């Protein structure tokens, strides 16, 4: 059963049910070729092909980083590996790029970071081979733990303080693997942001969920992989 993009965006419950129906046992590599989504750009891997394929299977149009996928959710994927019988995240997960100007005008509760986190639909996938990738877990995330929210808020407020003080350029990385979040440069290092206080340009940064946070968030359903 295949799904084409729809004009009306589905809600979280609808997309969760669709993914439960279409993902189990499906080789996403084959579906990427069906949808003509490139896995490679010449010699360079298309890092977003898995997410783009799942978006198409869910009946969504391919989205930009800042645009929500549905009217009450944000769909993201993460790679899982099997270790001692447990599926664990292989790497950190980019949540959203830091916009230095926007963060000065936001509160945590209205921030793009929080909007992304509180509306996540997270799909965990395993790459069994270069030509076989399957979805293993799916999670509709609701963050309600006050201590968890406070730790996320505190990190965001630290970043906001660095922007307000004009010191963001000097802090290349913020947060460790033991934190819930990290702020660090984007992978290619080519994008630039401008400090709204000093006017200086610096490598663009993004908020990443650490493997620790992904483990906490992904109280997930087994898709039978």
Protein backbone atom coordinates (compact mmCIF):
# COMPACT_ATOMS: atom_id res chain seq x y z
CA UNK A 1 0.00 0.00 0.00
CA UNK A 2 1.64 3.28 -1.13
CA UNK A 3 0.83 6.80 -0.08
CA UNK A 4 1.16 10.02 -2.03
CA UNK A 5 1.63 13.46 -0.50
CA UNK A 6 -1.59 15.09 0.66
CA UNK A 7 -2.66 18.72 0.68
CA UNK A 8 -4.16 18.40 4.17
CA UNK A 9 -1.53 17.57 6.74
CA UNK A 10 -2.32 14.53 8.94
CA UNK A 11 -2.27 14.77 12.71
CA UNK A 12 -0.02 12.78 15.04
CA UNK A 13 -2.48 9.94 15.63
CA UNK A 14 -3.09 9.53 11.92
CA UNK A 15 0.58 9.42 10.98
CA UNK A 16 1.37 7.02 13.83
CA UNK A 17 -1.32 4.62 12.61
CA UNK A 18 -0.11 4.92 9.02
CA UNK A 19 3.47 4.15 10.01
CA UNK A 20 2.39 1.20 12.16
CA UNK A 21 0.67 -0.21 9.09
CA UNK A 22 3.30 0.41 6.41
CA UNK A 23 6.70 0.17 8.13
CA UNK A 24 7.00 -3.37 9.59
CA UNK A 25 9.30 -5.52 7.48
CA UNK A 26 9.73 -2.87 4.76
CA UNK A 27 13.18 -2.37 3.23
CA UNK A 28 13.49 1.43 3.16
CA UNK A 29 16.33 1.24 0.64
CA UNK A 30 13.97 -0.32 -1.89
CA UNK A 31 11.26 2.23 -1.11
CA UNK A 32 13.74 5.10 -1.59
CA UNK A 33 14.35 3.85 -5.12
CA UNK A 34 10.61 3.50 -5.70
CA UNK A 35 10.07 7.14 -4.69
CA UNK A 36 13.18 8.21 -6.66
CA UNK A 37 14.84 9.53 -3.50
CA UNK A 38 18.63 9.44 -4.02
CA UNK A 39 20.60 7.46 -1.46
CA UNK A 40 23.82 8.90 -2.93
CA UNK A 41 24.66 12.28 -4.46
CA UNK A 42 27.51 11.14 -6.72
CA UNK A 43 30.14 9.90 -4.27
CA UNK A 44 28.45 11.62 -1.31
CA UNK A 45 25.79 9.90 0.80
CA UNK A 46 22.42 11.61 1.13
CA UNK A 47 22.14 11.61 4.91
CA UNK A 48 18.45 12.43 4.85
CA UNK A 49 17.24 9.65 2.56
CA UNK A 50 15.81 7.45 5.31
CA UNK A 51 13.75 10.27 6.80
CA UNK A 52 12.61 11.42 3.37
CA UNK A 53 11.50 7.89 2.51
CA UNK A 54 9.53 7.52 5.74
CA UNK A 55 7.91 10.92 5.14
CA UNK A 56 6.69 9.67 1.77
CA UNK A 57 5.42 6.41 3.26
CA UNK A 58 3.53 8.47 5.86
CA UNK A 59 1.90 10.51 3.11
CA UNK A 60 3.86 13.69 3.87
CA UNK A 61 5.52 16.14 1.53
CA UNK A 62 9.29 16.41 1.99
CA UNK A 63 9.89 19.10 4.61
CA UNK A 64 12.58 21.66 5.40
CA UNK A 65 14.26 21.67 8.80
CA UNK A 66 12.17 24.55 10.14
CA UNK A 67 8.79 23.49 8.78
CA UNK A 68 6.58 21.10 10.81
CA UNK A 69 5.72 17.84 9.07
CA UNK A 70 2.14 17.72 10.36
CA UNK A 71 -0.02 20.16 12.23
CA UNK A 72 0.79 18.65 15.62
CA UNK A 73 4.00 16.65 15.16
CA UNK A 74 7.56 16.62 13.81
CA UNK A 75 8.84 13.41 12.23
CA UNK A 76 12.48 12.46 12.73
CA UNK A 77 14.51 9.27 12.37
CA UNK A 78 17.46 7.92 14.28
CA UNK A 79 19.80 4.98 13.66
CA UNK A 80 19.69 2.13 16.18
CA UNK A 81 22.18 -0.65 16.82
CA UNK A 82 21.63 -3.88 18.74
CA UNK A 83 23.87 -4.26 21.78
CA UNK A 84 23.43 -6.97 24.40
CA UNK A 85 19.86 -7.54 23.27
CA UNK A 86 18.86 -3.88 23.45
CA UNK A 87 18.31 -1.37 20.67
CA UNK A 88 20.32 1.77 21.44
CA UNK A 89 20.96 4.96 19.43
CA UNK A 90 24.08 4.92 17.28
CA UNK A 91 24.56 8.70 17.23
CA UNK A 92 23.18 12.03 18.33
CA UNK A 93 20.14 13.54 16.61
CA UNK A 94 19.92 17.05 15.23
CA UNK A 95 16.80 18.76 16.58
CA UNK A 96 17.02 22.25 15.08
CA UNK A 97 19.51 24.91 14.02
CA UNK A 98 20.20 27.79 16.37
CA UNK A 99 18.90 31.12 15.09
CA UNK A 100 20.74 33.72 17.20
CA UNK A 101 18.21 36.46 16.47
CA UNK A 102 15.16 34.33 17.20
CA UNK A 103 16.47 33.06 20.53
CA UNK A 104 16.65 36.65 21.83
CA UNK A 105 12.93 37.03 21.17
CA UNK A 106 11.80 33.67 22.58
CA UNK A 107 11.05 32.10 25.91
CA UNK A 108 11.81 28.42 26.34
CA UNK A 109 8.11 27.53 26.16
CA UNK A 110 7.80 29.31 22.80
CA UNK A 111 11.22 28.37 21.44
CA UNK A 112 11.70 26.42 18.24
CA UNK A 113 13.76 23.88 20.21
CA UNK A 114 10.89 23.10 22.60
CA UNK A 115 8.30 23.06 19.81
CA UNK A 116 10.41 20.49 17.97
CA UNK A 117 11.01 18.34 21.06
CA UNK A 118 7.45 18.27 22.39
CA UNK A 119 5.93 17.24 19.06
CA UNK A 120 8.37 14.52 17.97
CA UNK A 121 7.37 11.33 16.28
CA UNK A 122 10.64 9.41 16.36
CA UNK A 123 11.36 6.36 14.21
CA UNK A 124 14.37 4.19 15.05
CA UNK A 125 15.93 2.36 12.10
CA UNK A 126 18.61 -0.30 11.68
CA UNK A 127 20.96 -0.57 8.70
CA UNK A 128 21.51 -4.30 8.32
CA UNK A 129 23.53 -3.80 5.13
CA UNK A 130 24.12 -1.00 2.60
CA UNK A 131 20.99 -2.11 0.74
CA UNK A 132 18.77 -3.14 3.64
CA UNK A 133 17.42 -0.63 6.16
CA UNK A 134 14.33 -1.28 8.28
CA UNK A 135 12.36 0.66 10.88
CA UNK A 136 12.59 -1.07 14.26
CA UNK A 137 10.93 1.27 16.75
CA UNK A 138 8.43 4.12 16.67
CA UNK A 139 7.69 6.58 19.45
CA UNK A 140 5.17 9.40 19.82
CA UNK A 141 6.94 11.59 22.33
CA UNK A 142 5.33 13.50 25.20
CA UNK A 143 7.76 15.20 27.58
CA UNK A 144 6.04 15.63 30.94
CA UNK A 145 8.76 14.87 33.51
CA UNK A 146 9.37 18.20 35.34
CA UNK A 147 13.03 17.42 36.08
CA UNK A 148 13.67 16.53 32.44
CA UNK A 149 11.95 19.70 31.23
CA UNK A 150 13.95 21.80 33.69
CA UNK A 151 17.25 20.36 32.48
CA UNK A 152 16.30 21.08 28.88
CA UNK A 153 15.21 24.59 29.83
CA UNK A 154 18.46 25.25 31.71
CA UNK A 155 20.54 24.27 28.69
CA UNK A 156 18.47 26.50 26.39
CA UNK A 157 18.82 29.39 28.83
CA UNK A 158 22.61 28.92 28.91
CA UNK A 159 22.69 29.18 25.12
CA UNK A 160 20.43 32.24 25.18
CA UNK A 161 22.72 33.90 27.74
CA UNK A 162 25.75 33.32 25.50
CA UNK A 163 23.91 34.95 22.59
CA UNK A 164 22.72 37.88 24.72
CA UNK A 165 26.25 38.47 26.05
CA UNK A 166 27.79 38.33 22.57
CA UNK A 167 29.94 35.33 23.61
CA UNK A 168 28.36 32.67 21.42
CA UNK A 169 31.18 32.79 18.86
CA UNK A 170 33.72 31.72 21.50
CA UNK A 171 31.80 28.61 22.54
CA UNK A 172 32.22 26.07 19.75
CA UNK A 173 30.64 23.21 21.70
CA UNK A 174 28.30 23.26 24.66
CA UNK A 175 27.20 20.11 26.47
CA UNK A 176 28.77 16.65 26.76
CA UNK A 177 27.67 13.09 26.02
CA UNK A 178 26.37 12.96 29.60
CA UNK A 179 24.12 15.96 28.95
CA UNK A 180 20.69 15.77 27.40
CA UNK A 181 21.50 18.33 24.71
CA UNK A 182 24.54 19.57 22.87
CA UNK A 183 25.08 22.74 20.86
CA UNK A 184 27.73 22.28 18.20
CA UNK A 185 28.58 23.29 14.62
CA UNK A 186 26.67 21.76 11.73
CA UNK A 187 28.38 18.86 9.99
CA UNK A 188 29.71 20.60 6.89
CA UNK A 189 30.90 23.72 8.74
CA UNK A 190 30.07 25.90 5.72
CA UNK A 191 26.92 27.64 6.97
CA UNK A 192 27.39 30.89 8.88
CA UNK A 193 25.34 32.68 11.53
CA UNK A 194 25.61 36.28 12.68
CA UNK A 195 25.75 37.30 16.32
CA UNK A 196 22.97 39.89 16.82
CA UNK A 197 25.02 41.62 19.54
CA UNK A 198 28.49 41.92 17.99
CA UNK A 199 27.57 41.54 14.32
CA UNK A 200 30.33 38.93 13.94
CA UNK A 201 29.83 35.86 11.78
CA UNK A 202 30.60 32.37 13.08
CA UNK A 203 29.99 28.74 12.00
CA UNK A 204 26.29 27.93 12.34
CA UNK A 205 25.36 25.79 15.35
CA UNK A 206 22.53 23.36 15.99
CA UNK A 207 20.90 21.74 19.01
CA UNK A 208 21.49 17.98 19.09
CA UNK A 209 19.79 15.40 21.31
CA UNK A 210 22.45 13.20 22.88
CA UNK A 211 22.16 9.42 22.91
CA UNK A 212 21.21 9.76 26.58
CA UNK A 213 18.21 11.93 25.73
CA UNK A 214 17.17 9.72 22.80
CA UNK A 215 17.14 6.73 25.16
CA UNK A 216 14.92 8.65 27.59
CA UNK A 217 12.53 9.79 24.89
CA UNK A 218 12.22 6.60 22.90
CA UNK A 219 9.76 4.66 25.02
CA UNK A 220 8.85 2.99 21.79
CA UNK A 221 6.69 0.42 20.10
CA UNK A 222 8.41 -2.57 18.53
CA UNK A 223 7.70 -2.75 14.81
CA UNK A 224 8.81 -6.34 14.64
CA UNK A 225 12.33 -5.87 13.25
